Amino acid sequence: MGKLQSKHGDSFVVNAFLRRGVEECERYGAADHKLKNAQV
């Protein structure tokens, strides 16, 4: 039972981390796109 709960908690942390990483990538990608447009 403890292992199952720990495993579930780990997957929850990984999912939250990945979701946060995707959001940051999109944000940085949009900012980078704006910078490129401004330079051109």
PDB file of N, CA and C in Angstrom:
ATOM      1  N   MET A   1       0.848  -1.195   0.000  1.00  0.00           N
ATOM      2  CA  MET A   1       0.000   0.000   0.000  1.00  0.00           C
ATOM      3  C   MET A   1       0.885   1.247   0.000  1.00  0.00           C
ATOM      4  N   GLY A   2       1.919   1.245   0.840  1.00  0.00           N
ATOM      5  CA  GLY A   2       2.820   2.393   0.902  1.00  0.00           C
ATOM      6  C   GLY A   2       3.539   2.589  -0.424  1.00  0.00           C
ATOM      7  N   LYS A   3       3.965   1.481  -1.029  1.00  0.00           N
ATOM      8  CA  LYS A   3       4.676   1.572  -2.313  1.00  0.00           C
ATOM      9  C   LYS A   3       3.751   2.149  -3.385  1.00  0.00           C
ATOM     10  N   LEU A   4       2.516   1.675  -3.408  1.00  0.00           N
ATOM     11  CA  LEU A   4       1.565   2.135  -4.408  1.00  0.00           C
ATOM     12  C   LEU A   4       1.338   3.635  -4.269  1.00  0.00           C
ATOM     13  N   GLN A   5       1.186   4.076  -3.020  1.00  0.00           N
ATOM     14  CA  GLN A   5       0.946   5.497  -2.784  1.00  0.00           C
ATOM     15  C   GLN A   5       2.165   6.316  -3.207  1.00  0.00           C
ATOM     16  N   SER A   6       3.360   5.794  -2.918  1.00  0.00           N
ATOM     17  CA  SER A   6       4.593   6.492  -3.273  1.00  0.00           C
ATOM     18  C   SER A   6       4.721   6.576  -4.792  1.00  0.00           C
ATOM     19  N   LYS A   7       4.412   5.464  -5.462  1.00  0.00           N
ATOM     20  CA  LYS A   7       4.511   5.423  -6.921  1.00  0.00           C
ATOM     21  C   LYS A   7       3.532   6.429  -7.529  1.00  0.00           C
ATOM     22  N   HIS A   8       2.333   6.463  -7.007  1.00  0.00           N
ATOM     23  CA  HIS A   8       1.316   7.387  -7.505  1.00  0.00           C
ATOM     24  C   HIS A   8       1.779   8.824  -7.283  1.00  0.00           C
ATOM     25  N   GLY A   9       2.378   9.076  -6.133  1.00  0.00           N
ATOM     26  CA  GLY A   9       2.861  10.425  -5.822  1.00  0.00           C
ATOM     27  C   GLY A   9       3.978  10.829  -6.771  1.00  0.00           C
ATOM     28  N   ASP A  10       4.871   9.895  -7.078  1.00  0.00           N
ATOM     29  CA  ASP A  10       5.981  10.193  -7.996  1.00  0.00           C
ATOM     30  C   ASP A  10       5.448  10.555  -9.383  1.00  0.00           C
ATOM     31  N   SER A  11       4.468   9.762  -9.858  1.00  0.00           N
ATOM     32  CA  SER A  11       3.919  10.022 -11.190  1.00  0.00           C
ATOM     33  C   SER A  11       3.216  11.375 -11.204  1.00  0.00           C
ATOM     34  N   PHE A  12       2.589  11.719 -10.085  1.00  0.00           N
ATOM     35  CA  PHE A  12       1.893  13.014  -9.999  1.00  0.00           C
ATOM     36  C   PHE A  12       2.910  14.149 -10.105  1.00  0.00           C
ATOM     37  N   VAL A  13       4.033  13.985  -9.417  1.00  0.00           N
ATOM     38  CA  VAL A  13       5.087  15.015  -9.446  1.00  0.00           C
ATOM     39  C   VAL A  13       5.655  15.127 -10.854  1.00  0.00           C
ATOM     40  N   VAL A  14       5.896  13.983 -11.493  1.00  0.00           N
ATOM     41  CA  VAL A  14       6.449  13.980 -12.854  1.00  0.00           C
ATOM     42  C   VAL A  14       5.482  14.666 -13.807  1.00  0.00           C
ATOM     43  N   ASN A  15       4.184  14.343 -13.704  1.00  0.00           N
ATOM     44  CA  ASN A  15       3.187  14.954 -14.583  1.00  0.00           C
ATOM     45  C   ASN A  15       3.160  16.462 -14.392  1.00  0.00           C
ATOM     46  N   ALA A  16       3.196  16.909 -13.142  1.00  0.00           N
ATOM     47  CA  ALA A  16       3.164  18.346 -12.854  1.00  0.00           C
ATOM     48  C   ALA A  16       4.427  19.005 -13.409  1.00  0.00           C
ATOM     49  N   PHE A  17       5.565  18.331 -13.256  1.00  0.00           N
ATOM     50  CA  PHE A  17       6.835  18.874 -13.740  1.00  0.00           C
ATOM     51  C   PHE A  17       6.822  18.988 -15.267  1.00  0.00           C
ATOM     52  N   LEU A  18       6.332  17.935 -15.935  1.00  0.00           N
ATOM     53  CA  LEU A  18       6.288  17.946 -17.396  1.00  0.00           C
ATOM     54  C   LEU A  18       5.344  19.031 -17.884  1.00  0.00           C
ATOM     55  N   ARG A  19       4.192  19.153 -17.218  1.00  0.00           N
ATOM     56  CA  ARG A  19       3.219  20.158 -17.632  1.00  0.00           C
ATOM     57  C   ARG A  19       3.824  21.545 -17.490  1.00  0.00           C
ATOM     58  N   ARG A  20       4.548  21.773 -16.391  1.00  0.00           N
ATOM     59  CA  ARG A  20       5.182  23.067 -16.147  1.00  0.00           C
ATOM     60  C   ARG A  20       6.267  23.311 -17.201  1.00  0.00           C
ATOM     61  N   GLY A  21       7.012  22.257 -17.536  1.00  0.00           N
ATOM     62  CA  GLY A  21       8.065  22.386 -18.540  1.00  0.00           C
ATOM     63  C   GLY A  21       7.483  22.760 -19.894  1.00  0.00           C
ATOM     64  N   VAL A  22       6.355  22.139 -20.253  1.00  0.00           N
ATOM     65  CA  VAL A  22       5.720  22.441 -21.543  1.00  0.00           C
ATOM     66  C   VAL A  22       5.260  23.887 -21.560  1.00  0.00           C
ATOM     67  N   GLU A  23       4.662  24.345 -20.462  1.00  0.00           N
ATOM     68  CA  GLU A  23       4.182  25.727 -20.406  1.00  0.00           C
ATOM     69  C   GLU A  23       5.348  26.696 -20.551  1.00  0.00           C
ATOM     70  N   GLU A  24       6.467  26.410 -19.889  1.00  0.00           N
ATOM     71  CA  GLU A  24       7.628  27.300 -19.968  1.00  0.00           C
ATOM     72  C   GLU A  24       8.213  27.274 -21.377  1.00  0.00           C
ATOM     73  N   CYS A  25       8.231  26.103 -21.999  1.00  0.00           N
ATOM     74  CA  CYS A  25       8.765  26.006 -23.369  1.00  0.00           C
ATOM     75  C   CYS A  25       7.915  26.846 -24.302  1.00  0.00           C
ATOM     76  N   GLU A  26       6.603  26.778 -24.150  1.00  0.00           N
ATOM     77  CA  GLU A  26       5.715  27.549 -25.015  1.00  0.00           C
ATOM     78  C   GLU A  26       5.925  29.039 -24.773  1.00  0.00           C
ATOM     79  N   ARG A  27       6.096  29.406 -23.504  1.00  0.00           N
ATOM     80  CA  ARG A  27       6.279  30.820 -23.166  1.00  0.00           C
ATOM     81  C   ARG A  27       7.596  31.332 -23.749  1.00  0.00           C
ATOM     82  N   TYR A  28       8.679  30.545 -23.562  1.00  0.00           N
ATOM     83  CA  TYR A  28       9.981  30.959 -24.095  1.00  0.00           C
ATOM     84  C   TYR A  28       9.946  30.960 -25.624  1.00  0.00           C
ATOM     85  N   GLY A  29       9.248  29.981 -26.196  1.00  0.00           N
ATOM     86  CA  GLY A  29       9.149  29.900 -27.652  1.00  0.00           C
ATOM     87  C   GLY A  29       8.442  31.123 -28.199  1.00  0.00           C
ATOM     88  N   ALA A  30       7.373  31.556 -27.539  1.00  0.00           N
ATOM     89  CA  ALA A  30       6.628  32.737 -27.986  1.00  0.00           C
ATOM     90  C   ALA A  30       7.507  33.981 -27.859  1.00  0.00           C
ATOM     91  N   ALA A  31       8.253  34.089 -26.766  1.00  0.00           N
ATOM     92  CA  ALA A  31       9.122  35.252 -26.545  1.00  0.00           C
ATOM     93  C   ALA A  31      10.229  35.261 -27.596  1.00  0.00           C
ATOM     94  N   ASP A  32      10.779  34.088 -27.882  1.00  0.00           N
ATOM     95  CA  ASP A  32      11.843  33.988 -28.880  1.00  0.00           C
ATOM     96  C   ASP A  32      11.298  34.381 -30.247  1.00  0.00           C
ATOM     97  N   HIS A  33      10.089  33.970 -30.538  1.00  0.00           N
ATOM     98  CA  HIS A  33       9.452  34.287 -31.817  1.00  0.00           C
ATOM     99  C   HIS A  33       9.269  35.801 -31.935  1.00  0.00           C
ATOM    100  N   LYS A  34       8.846  36.422 -30.849  1.00  0.00           N
ATOM    101  CA  LYS A  34       8.649  37.876 -30.860  1.00  0.00           C
ATOM    102  C   LYS A  34       9.978  38.598 -31.077  1.00  0.00           C
ATOM    103  N   LEU A  35      11.034  38.101 -30.440  1.00  0.00           N
ATOM    104  CA  LEU A  35      12.355  38.721 -30.601  1.00  0.00           C
ATOM    105  C   LEU A  35      12.811  38.621 -32.049  1.00  0.00           C
ATOM    106  N   LYS A  36      12.609  37.471 -32.668  1.00  0.00           N
ATOM    107  CA  LYS A  36      13.021  37.279 -34.059  1.00  0.00           C
ATOM    108  C   LYS A  36      12.240  38.223 -34.968  1.00  0.00           C
ATOM    109  N   ASN A  37      10.944  38.363 -34.696  1.00  0.00           N
ATOM    110  CA  ASN A  37      10.115  39.249 -35.510  1.00  0.00           C
ATOM    111  C   ASN A  37      10.563  40.702 -35.343  1.00  0.00           C
ATOM    112  N   ALA A  38      10.945  41.071 -34.128  1.00  0.00           N
ATOM    113  CA  ALA A  38      11.366  42.447 -33.849  1.00  0.00           C
ATOM    114  C   ALA A  38      12.683  42.736 -34.575  1.00  0.00           C
ATOM    115  N   GLN A  39      13.585  41.750 -34.631  1.00  0.00           N
ATOM    116  CA  GLN A  39      14.876  41.953 -35.288  1.00  0.00           C
ATOM    117  C   GLN A  39      14.680  42.108 -36.790  1.00  0.00           C
ATOM    118  N   VAL A  40      13.736  41.394 -37.359  1.00  0.00           N
ATOM    119  CA  VAL A  40      13.484  41.472 -38.808  1.00  0.00           C
ATOM    120  C   VAL A  40      12.642  42.683 -39.073  1.00  0.00           C
TER     121      VAL A  40
END
